[in-house]
Amino acid sequence: MSEHSEHSDNKQASVGAIVMLLILAALVVLGIGTMNGGDTVSALIPGGLLFLFGLYAVFSLGKD
């Protein structure tokens, strides 16, 4: 397998991981906001932290 093809596969995996993180963070915000009586503004903090930690994990811990 060529080096260009391996780089393309890693980039596609990163894009998929970021999309998954966005979906999970949105579900966390909606879930916590619903449990807090519709207060989604305060639920943005745990959703944002989940997304940022996920980005850290994808880009720094996910490298082989």
N, C-alpha and C. Protein backbone atom coordinates (compact mmCIF):
# COMPACT_ATOMS: atom_id res chain seq x y z
N MET A 1 0.84 -1.17 0.00
CA MET A 1 0.00 0.00 0.00
C MET A 1 0.89 1.24 0.00
N SER A 2 0.56 2.22 -0.79
CA SER A 2 1.40 3.40 -0.91
C SER A 2 1.20 4.33 0.29
N GLU A 3 2.17 5.22 0.45
CA GLU A 3 2.11 6.16 1.57
C GLU A 3 0.94 7.12 1.42
N HIS A 4 0.63 7.52 0.19
CA HIS A 4 -0.49 8.43 -0.05
C HIS A 4 -1.82 7.78 0.35
N SER A 5 -1.99 6.52 0.05
CA SER A 5 -3.22 5.82 0.39
C SER A 5 -3.37 5.68 1.90
N GLU A 6 -2.28 5.42 2.62
CA GLU A 6 -2.36 5.30 4.07
C GLU A 6 -2.71 6.64 4.70
N HIS A 7 -2.18 7.73 4.17
CA HIS A 7 -2.49 9.06 4.69
C HIS A 7 -3.96 9.37 4.46
N SER A 8 -4.49 9.00 3.32
CA SER A 8 -5.90 9.24 3.01
C SER A 8 -6.80 8.45 3.95
N ASP A 9 -6.43 7.22 4.28
CA ASP A 9 -7.23 6.41 5.20
C ASP A 9 -7.24 7.02 6.60
N ASN A 10 -6.10 7.53 7.04
CA ASN A 10 -6.03 8.17 8.36
C ASN A 10 -6.87 9.42 8.41
N LYS A 11 -6.86 10.20 7.32
CA LYS A 11 -7.65 11.42 7.28
C LYS A 11 -9.14 11.10 7.31
N GLN A 12 -9.56 10.08 6.57
CA GLN A 12 -10.97 9.70 6.57
C GLN A 12 -11.39 9.19 7.94
N ALA A 13 -10.53 8.46 8.62
CA ALA A 13 -10.85 7.97 9.96
C ALA A 13 -10.98 9.14 10.93
N SER A 14 -10.14 10.15 10.79
CA SER A 14 -10.22 11.32 11.66
C SER A 14 -11.52 12.08 11.44
N VAL A 15 -11.93 12.23 10.20
CA VAL A 15 -13.18 12.94 9.90
C VAL A 15 -14.36 12.17 10.48
N GLY A 16 -14.35 10.86 10.34
CA GLY A 16 -15.41 10.04 10.91
C GLY A 16 -15.46 10.13 12.43
N ALA A 17 -14.29 10.16 13.06
CA ALA A 17 -14.23 10.28 14.52
C ALA A 17 -14.75 11.63 14.99
N ILE A 18 -14.45 12.69 14.25
CA ILE A 18 -14.92 14.03 14.63
C ILE A 18 -16.44 14.11 14.48
N VAL A 19 -16.98 13.54 13.42
CA VAL A 19 -18.44 13.54 13.24
C VAL A 19 -19.10 12.76 14.38
N MET A 20 -18.53 11.62 14.74
CA MET A 20 -19.06 10.84 15.84
C MET A 20 -19.00 11.63 17.15
N LEU A 21 -17.91 12.36 17.38
CA LEU A 21 -17.79 13.18 18.58
C LEU A 21 -18.84 14.28 18.61
N LEU A 22 -19.10 14.91 17.47
CA LEU A 22 -20.13 15.95 17.42
C LEU A 22 -21.50 15.38 17.76
N ILE A 23 -21.81 14.20 17.23
CA ILE A 23 -23.10 13.58 17.50
C ILE A 23 -23.22 13.22 18.98
N LEU A 24 -22.17 12.61 19.55
CA LEU A 24 -22.20 12.25 20.97
C LEU A 24 -22.31 13.49 21.87
N ALA A 25 -21.57 14.53 21.55
CA ALA A 25 -21.62 15.75 22.36
C ALA A 25 -23.02 16.38 22.29
N ALA A 26 -23.63 16.37 21.11
CA ALA A 26 -24.98 16.93 20.97
C ALA A 26 -25.98 16.11 21.78
N LEU A 27 -25.84 14.79 21.75
CA LEU A 27 -26.75 13.95 22.54
C LEU A 27 -26.56 14.16 24.04
N VAL A 28 -25.33 14.36 24.46
CA VAL A 28 -25.07 14.64 25.88
C VAL A 28 -25.71 15.97 26.28
N VAL A 29 -25.56 16.98 25.44
CA VAL A 29 -26.15 18.29 25.74
C VAL A 29 -27.68 18.19 25.80
N LEU A 30 -28.27 17.50 24.85
CA LEU A 30 -29.73 17.36 24.85
C LEU A 30 -30.21 16.54 26.05
N GLY A 31 -29.50 15.48 26.37
CA GLY A 31 -29.91 14.64 27.50
C GLY A 31 -29.80 15.36 28.82
N ILE A 32 -28.67 16.00 29.08
CA ILE A 32 -28.49 16.72 30.34
C ILE A 32 -29.42 17.92 30.40
N GLY A 33 -29.58 18.60 29.27
CA GLY A 33 -30.51 19.73 29.24
C GLY A 33 -31.93 19.32 29.53
N THR A 34 -32.34 18.18 29.02
CA THR A 34 -33.70 17.68 29.28
C THR A 34 -33.87 17.32 30.75
N MET A 35 -32.85 16.67 31.33
CA MET A 35 -32.94 16.30 32.75
C MET A 35 -32.94 17.53 33.66
N ASN A 36 -32.37 18.64 33.20
CA ASN A 36 -32.35 19.86 34.00
C ASN A 36 -33.51 20.79 33.68
N GLY A 37 -34.56 20.25 33.16
CA GLY A 37 -35.76 21.05 32.90
C GLY A 37 -35.63 21.98 31.72
N GLY A 38 -34.91 21.58 30.71
CA GLY A 38 -34.78 22.38 29.50
C GLY A 38 -33.65 23.37 29.51
N ASP A 39 -32.79 23.34 30.50
CA ASP A 39 -31.66 24.27 30.60
C ASP A 39 -30.48 23.73 29.81
N THR A 40 -30.48 23.96 28.50
CA THR A 40 -29.41 23.43 27.66
C THR A 40 -28.15 24.29 27.70
N VAL A 41 -28.27 25.53 28.17
CA VAL A 41 -27.09 26.40 28.21
C VAL A 41 -26.05 25.86 29.19
N SER A 42 -26.49 25.44 30.37
CA SER A 42 -25.53 24.89 31.33
C SER A 42 -25.05 23.50 30.91
N ALA A 43 -25.80 22.83 30.05
CA ALA A 43 -25.39 21.51 29.58
C ALA A 43 -24.32 21.60 28.49
N LEU A 44 -24.06 22.79 27.99
CA LEU A 44 -23.02 22.96 26.97
C LEU A 44 -21.62 22.70 27.55
N ILE A 45 -21.45 22.90 28.84
CA ILE A 45 -20.13 22.70 29.45
C ILE A 45 -19.70 21.23 29.37
N PRO A 46 -20.50 20.27 29.86
CA PRO A 46 -20.05 18.88 29.73
C PRO A 46 -19.99 18.40 28.29
N GLY A 47 -20.87 18.90 27.44
CA GLY A 47 -20.81 18.53 26.02
C GLY A 47 -19.54 19.05 25.36
N GLY A 48 -19.18 20.28 25.68
CA GLY A 48 -17.95 20.85 25.14
C GLY A 48 -16.71 20.15 25.65
N LEU A 49 -16.71 19.81 26.94
CA LEU A 49 -15.57 19.08 27.50
C LEU A 49 -15.42 17.70 26.87
N LEU A 50 -16.55 17.03 26.65
CA LEU A 50 -16.51 15.73 25.98
C LEU A 50 -15.92 15.87 24.58
N PHE A 51 -16.34 16.90 23.85
CA PHE A 51 -15.84 17.10 22.49
C PHE A 51 -14.35 17.42 22.49
N LEU A 52 -13.91 18.29 23.40
CA LEU A 52 -12.50 18.66 23.43
C LEU A 52 -11.61 17.48 23.84
N PHE A 53 -12.04 16.71 24.84
CA PHE A 53 -11.26 15.54 25.23
C PHE A 53 -11.24 14.52 24.10
N GLY A 54 -12.34 14.39 23.38
CA GLY A 54 -12.38 13.48 22.24
C GLY A 54 -11.44 13.91 21.14
N LEU A 55 -11.38 15.21 20.87
CA LEU A 55 -10.42 15.70 19.87
C LEU A 55 -8.98 15.40 20.30
N TYR A 56 -8.70 15.60 21.57
CA TYR A 56 -7.38 15.29 22.09
C TYR A 56 -7.07 13.81 21.89
N ALA A 57 -8.04 12.97 22.20
CA ALA A 57 -7.83 11.52 22.06
C ALA A 57 -7.65 11.11 20.61
N VAL A 58 -8.40 11.73 19.70
CA VAL A 58 -8.30 11.36 18.28
C VAL A 58 -6.95 11.78 17.71
N PHE A 59 -6.52 13.00 18.00
CA PHE A 59 -5.32 13.51 17.33
C PHE A 59 -4.00 13.19 18.04
N SER A 60 -4.01 13.04 19.35
CA SER A 60 -2.73 12.76 19.99
C SER A 60 -2.62 11.31 20.46
N LEU A 61 -3.66 10.76 21.01
CA LEU A 61 -3.59 9.39 21.50
C LEU A 61 -3.87 8.37 20.40
N GLY A 62 -4.55 8.79 19.35
CA GLY A 62 -4.95 7.86 18.29
C GLY A 62 -3.88 7.58 17.27
N LYS A 63 -2.77 8.30 17.30
CA LYS A 63 -1.71 8.08 16.32
C LYS A 63 -0.97 6.78 16.65
N ASP A 64 -0.69 6.01 15.63
CA ASP A 64 0.03 4.74 15.81
C ASP A 64 1.50 4.91 15.55
